[in-house]
Amino acid sequence: MKTLIAVIVLAVTTAPAYAQRKPCEELKAEIEAKIRKNGVKEFTLTIVPNAEVKDQHVVGSCDGGTKKIIYRGGAPVGAK
């Protein structure tokens, strides 16, 4: 569980720097790679317009801040 929290914090802290410069799909791929590197196998990242964000966990912002990348996931490998 600690690994999952660390991955999410890392994604959230690095994502804003890319919001203005990278397309959503490219940023999503980078965040996905970081999450997988930390041992999380089962998760989804979804790109949604800002208006569709409710109580989801936002891990990135893209397209000039008009869209968000939402994380829904499982536990890290080996977690119980």
PDB file of N, CA and C in Angstrom:
ATOM      1  N   MET A   1       0.826  -1.188   0.000  1.00  0.00           N
ATOM      2  CA  MET A   1       0.000   0.000   0.000  1.00  0.00           C
ATOM      3  C   MET A   1       0.872   1.254   0.000  1.00  0.00           C
ATOM      4  N   LYS A   2       1.996   1.200   0.696  1.00  0.00           N
ATOM      5  CA  LYS A   2       2.898   2.355   0.713  1.00  0.00           C
ATOM      6  C   LYS A   2       3.433   2.652  -0.684  1.00  0.00           C
ATOM      7  N   THR A   3       3.710   1.597  -1.437  1.00  0.00           N
ATOM      8  CA  THR A   3       4.208   1.783  -2.799  1.00  0.00           C
ATOM      9  C   THR A   3       3.156   2.465  -3.659  1.00  0.00           C
ATOM     10  N   LEU A   4       1.916   2.049  -3.515  1.00  0.00           N
ATOM     11  CA  LEU A   4       0.828   2.652  -4.283  1.00  0.00           C
ATOM     12  C   LEU A   4       0.706   4.138  -3.968  1.00  0.00           C
ATOM     13  N   ILE A   5       0.770   4.477  -2.719  1.00  0.00           N
ATOM     14  CA  ILE A   5       0.689   5.884  -2.316  1.00  0.00           C
ATOM     15  C   ILE A   5       1.874   6.660  -2.879  1.00  0.00           C
ATOM     16  N   ALA A   6       3.064   6.077  -2.824  1.00  0.00           N
ATOM     17  CA  ALA A   6       4.250   6.744  -3.368  1.00  0.00           C
ATOM     18  C   ALA A   6       4.124   6.970  -4.864  1.00  0.00           C
ATOM     19  N   VAL A   7       3.576   5.994  -5.573  1.00  0.00           N
ATOM     20  CA  VAL A   7       3.394   6.120  -7.021  1.00  0.00           C
ATOM     21  C   VAL A   7       2.427   7.247  -7.333  1.00  0.00           C
ATOM     22  N   ILE A   8       1.332   7.285  -6.614  1.00  0.00           N
ATOM     23  CA  ILE A   8       0.328   8.316  -6.853  1.00  0.00           C
ATOM     24  C   ILE A   8       0.891   9.691  -6.549  1.00  0.00           C
ATOM     25  N   VAL A   9       1.612   9.833  -5.448  1.00  0.00           N
ATOM     26  CA  VAL A   9       2.223  11.121  -5.098  1.00  0.00           C
ATOM     27  C   VAL A   9       3.222  11.538  -6.172  1.00  0.00           C
ATOM     28  N   LEU A  10       4.022  10.601  -6.634  1.00  0.00           N
ATOM     29  CA  LEU A  10       4.993  10.902  -7.687  1.00  0.00           C
ATOM     30  C   LEU A  10       4.291  11.371  -8.955  1.00  0.00           C
ATOM     31  N   ALA A  11       3.257  10.674  -9.341  1.00  0.00           N
ATOM     32  CA  ALA A  11       2.528  11.047 -10.555  1.00  0.00           C
ATOM     33  C   ALA A  11       1.889  12.423 -10.423  1.00  0.00           C
ATOM     34  N   VAL A  12       1.309  12.696  -9.284  1.00  0.00           N
ATOM     35  CA  VAL A  12       0.642  13.981  -9.075  1.00  0.00           C
ATOM     36  C   VAL A  12       1.643  15.130  -9.046  1.00  0.00           C
ATOM     37  N   THR A  13       2.808  14.906  -8.469  1.00  0.00           N
ATOM     38  CA  THR A  13       3.784  15.992  -8.369  1.00  0.00           C
ATOM     39  C   THR A  13       4.521  16.250  -9.668  1.00  0.00           C
ATOM     40  N   THR A  14       4.640  15.236 -10.514  1.00  0.00           N
ATOM     41  CA  THR A  14       5.346  15.454 -11.781  1.00  0.00           C
ATOM     42  C   THR A  14       4.421  15.844 -12.913  1.00  0.00           C
ATOM     43  N   ALA A  15       3.174  15.478 -12.850  1.00  0.00           N
ATOM     44  CA  ALA A  15       2.240  15.721 -13.947  1.00  0.00           C
ATOM     45  C   ALA A  15       2.033  17.202 -14.282  1.00  0.00           C
ATOM     46  N   PRO A  16       1.896  18.106 -13.322  1.00  0.00           N
ATOM     47  CA  PRO A  16       1.643  19.508 -13.689  1.00  0.00           C
ATOM     48  C   PRO A  16       2.730  20.121 -14.573  1.00  0.00           C
ATOM     49  N   ALA A  17       3.950  19.678 -14.410  1.00  0.00           N
ATOM     50  CA  ALA A  17       5.039  20.220 -15.221  1.00  0.00           C
ATOM     51  C   ALA A  17       4.861  19.883 -16.696  1.00  0.00           C
ATOM     52  N   TYR A  18       4.174  18.797 -16.970  1.00  0.00           N
ATOM     53  CA  TYR A  18       3.968  18.367 -18.337  1.00  0.00           C
ATOM     54  C   TYR A  18       2.654  18.869 -18.941  1.00  0.00           C
ATOM     55  N   ALA A  19       1.795  19.446 -18.151  1.00  0.00           N
ATOM     56  CA  ALA A  19       0.440  19.782 -18.589  1.00  0.00           C
ATOM     57  C   ALA A  19       0.421  20.680 -19.816  1.00  0.00           C
ATOM     58  N   GLN A  20       1.293  21.643 -19.887  1.00  0.00           N
ATOM     59  CA  GLN A  20       1.287  22.576 -20.995  1.00  0.00           C
ATOM     60  C   GLN A  20       2.079  22.066 -22.200  1.00  0.00           C
ATOM     61  N   ARG A  21       2.983  21.133 -21.990  1.00  0.00           N
ATOM     62  CA  ARG A  21       3.903  20.742 -23.052  1.00  0.00           C
ATOM     63  C   ARG A  21       3.602  19.418 -23.719  1.00  0.00           C
ATOM     64  N   LYS A  22       2.849  18.553 -23.097  1.00  0.00           N
ATOM     65  CA  LYS A  22       2.676  17.210 -23.649  1.00  0.00           C
ATOM     66  C   LYS A  22       1.217  16.910 -23.951  1.00  0.00           C
ATOM     67  N   PRO A  23       0.996  16.175 -25.031  1.00  0.00           N
ATOM     68  CA  PRO A  23      -0.358  15.712 -25.321  1.00  0.00           C
ATOM     69  C   PRO A  23      -0.811  14.717 -24.247  1.00  0.00           C
ATOM     70  N   CYS A  24      -2.111  14.594 -24.065  1.00  0.00           N
ATOM     71  CA  CYS A  24      -2.647  13.716 -23.018  1.00  0.00           C
ATOM     72  C   CYS A  24      -2.169  12.271 -23.141  1.00  0.00           C
ATOM     73  N   GLU A  25      -2.172  11.727 -24.347  1.00  0.00           N
ATOM     74  CA  GLU A  25      -1.765  10.328 -24.519  1.00  0.00           C
ATOM     75  C   GLU A  25      -0.303  10.111 -24.136  1.00  0.00           C
ATOM     76  N   GLU A  26       0.540  11.067 -24.453  1.00  0.00           N
ATOM     77  CA  GLU A  26       1.958  10.947 -24.104  1.00  0.00           C
ATOM     78  C   GLU A  26       2.162  11.009 -22.599  1.00  0.00           C
ATOM     79  N   LEU A  27       1.485  11.945 -21.939  1.00  0.00           N
ATOM     80  CA  LEU A  27       1.588  12.055 -20.484  1.00  0.00           C
ATOM     81  C   LEU A  27       1.017  10.818 -19.815  1.00  0.00           C
ATOM     82  N   LYS A  28      -0.101  10.329 -20.308  1.00  0.00           N
ATOM     83  CA  LYS A  28      -0.715   9.119 -19.764  1.00  0.00           C
ATOM     84  C   LYS A  28       0.262   7.940 -19.841  1.00  0.00           C
ATOM     85  N   ALA A  29       0.952   7.803 -20.961  1.00  0.00           N
ATOM     86  CA  ALA A  29       1.928   6.711 -21.129  1.00  0.00           C
ATOM     87  C   ALA A  29       3.073   6.828 -20.130  1.00  0.00           C
ATOM     88  N   GLU A  30       3.532   8.036 -19.881  1.00  0.00           N
ATOM     89  CA  GLU A  30       4.623   8.241 -18.921  1.00  0.00           C
ATOM     90  C   GLU A  30       4.172   7.902 -17.499  1.00  0.00           C
ATOM     91  N   ILE A  31       2.980   8.332 -17.132  1.00  0.00           N
ATOM     92  CA  ILE A  31       2.460   8.035 -15.799  1.00  0.00           C
ATOM     93  C   ILE A  31       2.257   6.533 -15.647  1.00  0.00           C
ATOM     94  N   GLU A  32       1.719   5.896 -16.684  1.00  0.00           N
ATOM     95  CA  GLU A  32       1.513   4.450 -16.659  1.00  0.00           C
ATOM     96  C   GLU A  32       2.830   3.707 -16.454  1.00  0.00           C
ATOM     97  N   ALA A  33       3.872   4.139 -17.138  1.00  0.00           N
ATOM     98  CA  ALA A  33       5.181   3.494 -16.995  1.00  0.00           C
ATOM     99  C   ALA A  33       5.703   3.621 -15.567  1.00  0.00           C
ATOM    100  N   LYS A  34       5.529   4.783 -14.963  1.00  0.00           N
ATOM    101  CA  LYS A  34       5.989   4.985 -13.577  1.00  0.00           C
ATOM    102  C   LYS A  34       5.224   4.086 -12.609  1.00  0.00           C
ATOM    103  N   ILE A  35       3.926   3.966 -12.812  1.00  0.00           N
ATOM    104  CA  ILE A  35       3.117   3.126 -11.929  1.00  0.00           C
ATOM    105  C   ILE A  35       3.531   1.665 -12.079  1.00  0.00           C
ATOM    106  N   ARG A  36       3.687   1.202 -13.321  1.00  0.00           N
ATOM    107  CA  ARG A  36       4.107  -0.187 -13.551  1.00  0.00           C
ATOM    108  C   ARG A  36       5.503  -0.459 -12.983  1.00  0.00           C
ATOM    109  N   LYS A  37       6.399   0.511 -13.096  1.00  0.00           N
ATOM    110  CA  LYS A  37       7.755   0.358 -12.566  1.00  0.00           C
ATOM    111  C   LYS A  37       7.737   0.118 -11.057  1.00  0.00           C
ATOM    112  N   ASN A  38       6.715   0.663 -10.400  1.00  0.00           N
ATOM    113  CA  ASN A  38       6.596   0.492  -8.954  1.00  0.00           C
ATOM    114  C   ASN A  38       5.785  -0.739  -8.566  1.00  0.00           C
ATOM    115  N   GLY A  39       5.542  -1.618  -9.521  1.00  0.00           N
ATOM    116  CA  GLY A  39       4.961  -2.919  -9.209  1.00  0.00           C
ATOM    117  C   GLY A  39       3.450  -3.011  -9.221  1.00  0.00           C
ATOM    118  N   VAL A  40       2.762  -1.986  -9.640  1.00  0.00           N
ATOM    119  CA  VAL A  40       1.302  -2.060  -9.710  1.00  0.00           C
ATOM    120  C   VAL A  40       0.935  -2.644 -11.069  1.00  0.00           C
ATOM    121  N   LYS A  41       0.176  -3.744 -11.059  1.00  0.00           N
ATOM    122  CA  LYS A  41      -0.164  -4.412 -12.311  1.00  0.00           C
ATOM    123  C   LYS A  41      -1.569  -4.092 -12.784  1.00  0.00           C
ATOM    124  N   GLU A  42      -2.506  -4.022 -11.877  1.00  0.00           N
ATOM    125  CA  GLU A  42      -3.903  -3.835 -12.260  1.00  0.00           C
ATOM    126  C   GLU A  42      -4.364  -2.427 -11.908  1.00  0.00           C
ATOM    127  N   PHE A  43      -4.533  -1.605 -12.931  1.00  0.00           N
ATOM    128  CA  PHE A  43      -5.011  -0.239 -12.757  1.00  0.00           C
ATOM    129  C   PHE A  43      -5.477   0.279 -14.107  1.00  0.00           C
ATOM    130  N   THR A  44      -6.200   1.379 -14.064  1.00  0.00           N
ATOM    131  CA  THR A  44      -6.576   2.047 -15.303  1.00  0.00           C
ATOM    132  C   THR A  44      -6.323   3.534 -15.168  1.00  0.00           C
ATOM    133  N   LEU A  45      -5.922   4.132 -16.260  1.00  0.00           N
ATOM    134  CA  LEU A  45      -5.789   5.578 -16.362  1.00  0.00           C
ATOM    135  C   LEU A  45      -6.755   6.014 -17.454  1.00  0.00           C
ATOM    136  N   THR A  46      -7.552   7.020 -17.153  1.00  0.00           N
ATOM    137  CA  THR A  46      -8.553   7.487 -18.099  1.00  0.00           C
ATOM    138  C   THR A  46      -8.430   8.991 -18.267  1.00  0.00           C
ATOM    139  N   ILE A  47      -8.472   9.452 -19.498  1.00  0.00           N
ATOM    140  CA  ILE A  47      -8.423  10.889 -19.795  1.00  0.00           C
ATOM    141  C   ILE A  47      -9.866  11.384 -19.888  1.00  0.00           C
ATOM    142  N   VAL A  48     -10.188  12.408 -19.093  1.00  0.00           N
ATOM    143  CA  VAL A  48     -11.553  12.948 -19.093  1.00  0.00           C
ATOM    144  C   VAL A  48     -11.511  14.477 -19.096  1.00  0.00           C
ATOM    145  N   PRO A  49     -12.543  15.099 -19.651  1.00  0.00           N
ATOM    146  CA  PRO A  49     -12.642  16.564 -19.548  1.00  0.00           C
ATOM    147  C   PRO A  49     -12.808  16.969 -18.082  1.00  0.00           C
ATOM    148  N   ASN A  50     -12.361  18.155 -17.739  1.00  0.00           N
ATOM    149  CA  ASN A  50     -12.449  18.625 -16.358  1.00  0.00           C
ATOM    150  C   ASN A  50     -13.862  18.519 -15.790  1.00  0.00           C
ATOM    151  N   ALA A  51     -14.857  18.780 -16.606  1.00  0.00           N
ATOM    152  CA  ALA A  51     -16.247  18.771 -16.137  1.00  0.00           C
ATOM    153  C   ALA A  51     -16.710  17.389 -15.678  1.00  0.00           C
ATOM    154  N   GLU A  52     -16.043  16.347 -16.142  1.00  0.00           N
ATOM    155  CA  GLU A  52     -16.439  14.983 -15.776  1.00  0.00           C
ATOM    156  C   GLU A  52     -15.749  14.464 -14.527  1.00  0.00           C
ATOM    157  N   VAL A  53     -14.846  15.219 -13.943  1.00  0.00           N
ATOM    158  CA  VAL A  53     -14.133  14.774 -12.746  1.00  0.00           C
ATOM    159  C   VAL A  53     -15.041  14.955 -11.534  1.00  0.00           C
ATOM    160  N   LYS A  54     -15.261  13.852 -10.832  1.00  0.00           N
ATOM    161  CA  LYS A  54     -16.089  13.889  -9.620  1.00  0.00           C
ATOM    162  C   LYS A  54     -15.193  13.611  -8.423  1.00  0.00           C
ATOM    163  N   ASP A  55     -15.336  12.429  -7.844  1.00  0.00           N
ATOM    164  CA  ASP A  55     -14.540  12.055  -6.679  1.00  0.00           C
ATOM    165  C   ASP A  55     -13.399  11.115  -7.040  1.00  0.00           C
ATOM    166  N   GLN A  56     -12.978  11.128  -8.305  1.00  0.00           N
ATOM    167  CA  GLN A  56     -11.898  10.249  -8.744  1.00  0.00           C
ATOM    168  C   GLN A  56     -10.551  10.807  -8.291  1.00  0.00           C
ATOM    169  N   HIS A  57      -9.532   9.952  -8.404  1.00  0.00           N
ATOM    170  CA  HIS A  57      -8.169  10.351  -8.037  1.00  0.00           C
ATOM    171  C   HIS A  57      -7.452  10.873  -9.287  1.00  0.00           C
ATOM    172  N   VAL A  58      -7.217  12.161  -9.343  1.00  0.00           N
ATOM    173  CA  VAL A  58      -6.553  12.800 -10.473  1.00  0.00           C
ATOM    174  C   VAL A  58      -5.040  12.666 -10.312  1.00  0.00           C
ATOM    175  N   VAL A  59      -4.361  12.147 -11.347  1.00  0.00           N
ATOM    176  CA  VAL A  59      -2.914  11.983 -11.305  1.00  0.00           C
ATOM    177  C   VAL A  59      -2.197  12.825 -12.350  1.00  0.00           C
ATOM    178  N   GLY A  60      -2.954  13.556 -13.156  1.00  0.00           N
ATOM    179  CA  GLY A  60      -2.315  14.387 -14.168  1.00  0.00           C
ATOM    180  C   GLY A  60      -3.308  15.339 -14.809  1.00  0.00           C
ATOM    181  N   SER A  61      -2.761  16.370 -15.401  1.00  0.00           N
ATOM    182  CA  SER A  61      -3.543  17.366 -16.121  1.00  0.00           C
ATOM    183  C   SER A  61      -2.861  17.590 -17.463  1.00  0.00           C
ATOM    184  N   CYS A  62      -3.656  17.722 -18.532  1.00  0.00           N
ATOM    185  CA  CYS A  62      -3.069  17.856 -19.861  1.00  0.00           C
ATOM    186  C   CYS A  62      -3.943  18.735 -20.745  1.00  0.00           C
ATOM    187  N   ASP A  63      -3.520  18.878 -21.980  1.00  0.00           N
ATOM    188  CA  ASP A  63      -4.204  19.749 -22.945  1.00  0.00           C
ATOM    189  C   ASP A  63      -4.436  21.142 -22.366  1.00  0.00           C
ATOM    190  N   GLY A  64      -3.369  21.706 -21.845  1.00  0.00           N
ATOM    191  CA  GLY A  64      -3.460  23.060 -21.308  1.00  0.00           C
ATOM    192  C   GLY A  64      -4.333  23.168 -20.079  1.00  0.00           C
ATOM    193  N   GLY A  65      -4.489  22.063 -19.349  1.00  0.00           N
ATOM    194  CA  GLY A  65      -5.299  22.077 -18.137  1.00  0.00           C
ATOM    195  C   GLY A  65      -6.779  21.840 -18.381  1.00  0.00           C
ATOM    196  N   THR A  66      -7.174  21.497 -19.601  1.00  0.00           N
ATOM    197  CA  THR A  66      -8.586  21.280 -19.903  1.00  0.00           C
ATOM    198  C   THR A  66      -9.038  19.843 -19.658  1.00  0.00           C
ATOM    199  N   LYS A  67      -8.079  18.928 -19.505  1.00  0.00           N
ATOM    200  CA  LYS A  67      -8.404  17.521 -19.254  1.00  0.00           C
ATOM    201  C   LYS A  67      -7.589  17.006 -18.083  1.00  0.00           C
ATOM    202  N   LYS A  68      -8.088  15.952 -17.457  1.00  0.00           N
ATOM    203  CA  LYS A  68      -7.421  15.316 -16.333  1.00  0.00           C
ATOM    204  C   LYS A  68      -7.211  13.842 -16.643  1.00  0.00           C
ATOM    205  N   ILE A  69      -6.193  13.270 -16.008  1.00  0.00           N
ATOM    206  CA  ILE A  69      -5.945  11.842 -16.093  1.00  0.00           C
ATOM    207  C   ILE A  69      -6.346  11.251 -14.746  1.00  0.00           C
ATOM    208  N   ILE A  70      -7.282  10.315 -14.780  1.00  0.00           N
ATOM    209  CA  ILE A  70      -7.854   9.717 -13.585  1.00  0.00           C
ATOM    210  C   ILE A  70      -7.247   8.338 -13.360  1.00  0.00           C
ATOM    211  N   TYR A  71      -6.899   8.040 -12.106  1.00  0.00           N
ATOM    212  CA  TYR A  71      -6.335   6.741 -11.724  1.00  0.00           C
ATOM    213  C   TYR A  71      -7.391   5.932 -10.985  1.00  0.00           C
ATOM    214  N   ARG A  72      -7.526   4.692 -11.386  1.00  0.00           N
ATOM    215  CA  ARG A  72      -8.327   3.725 -10.644  1.00  0.00           C
ATOM    216  C   ARG A  72      -7.494   2.468 -10.605  1.00  0.00           C
ATOM    217  N   GLY A  73      -7.170   1.983  -9.414  1.00  0.00           N
ATOM    218  CA  GLY A  73      -6.218   0.909  -9.432  1.00  0.00           C
ATOM    219  C   GLY A  73      -6.340  -0.142  -8.379  1.00  0.00           C
ATOM    220  N   GLY A  74      -5.384  -1.037  -8.504  1.00  0.00           N
ATOM    221  CA  GLY A  74      -5.265  -2.151  -7.589  1.00  0.00           C
ATOM    222  C   GLY A  74      -4.085  -1.942  -6.673  1.00  0.00           C
ATOM    223  N   ALA A  75      -3.703  -3.005  -6.059  1.00  0.00           N
ATOM    224  CA  ALA A  75      -2.610  -2.975  -5.105  1.00  0.00           C
ATOM    225  C   ALA A  75      -1.287  -3.302  -5.797  1.00  0.00           C
ATOM    226  N   PRO A  76      -0.175  -2.870  -5.214  1.00  0.00           N
ATOM    227  CA  PRO A  76       1.134  -3.246  -5.753  1.00  0.00           C
ATOM    228  C   PRO A  76       1.341  -4.754  -5.691  1.00  0.00           C
ATOM    229  N   VAL A  77       2.226  -5.264  -6.505  1.00  0.00           N
ATOM    230  CA  VAL A  77       2.539  -6.687  -6.529  1.00  0.00           C
ATOM    231  C   VAL A  77       2.987  -7.101  -5.136  1.00  0.00           C
ATOM    232  N   GLY A  78       2.433  -8.186  -4.646  1.00  0.00           N
ATOM    233  CA  GLY A  78       2.812  -8.702  -3.345  1.00  0.00           C
ATOM    234  C   GLY A  78       2.035  -8.094  -2.183  1.00  0.00           C
ATOM    235  N   ALA A  79       1.228  -7.094  -2.429  1.00  0.00           N
ATOM    236  CA  ALA A  79       0.449  -6.472  -1.353  1.00  0.00           C
ATOM    237  C   ALA A  79      -0.731  -7.364  -1.011  1.00  0.00           C
ATOM    238  N   LYS A  80      -1.149  -7.297   0.229  1.00  0.00           N
ATOM    239  CA  LYS A  80      -2.294  -8.125   0.681  1.00  0.00           C
ATOM    240  C   LYS A  80      -3.402  -7.253   1.170  1.00  0.00           C
TER     241      LYS A  80
END
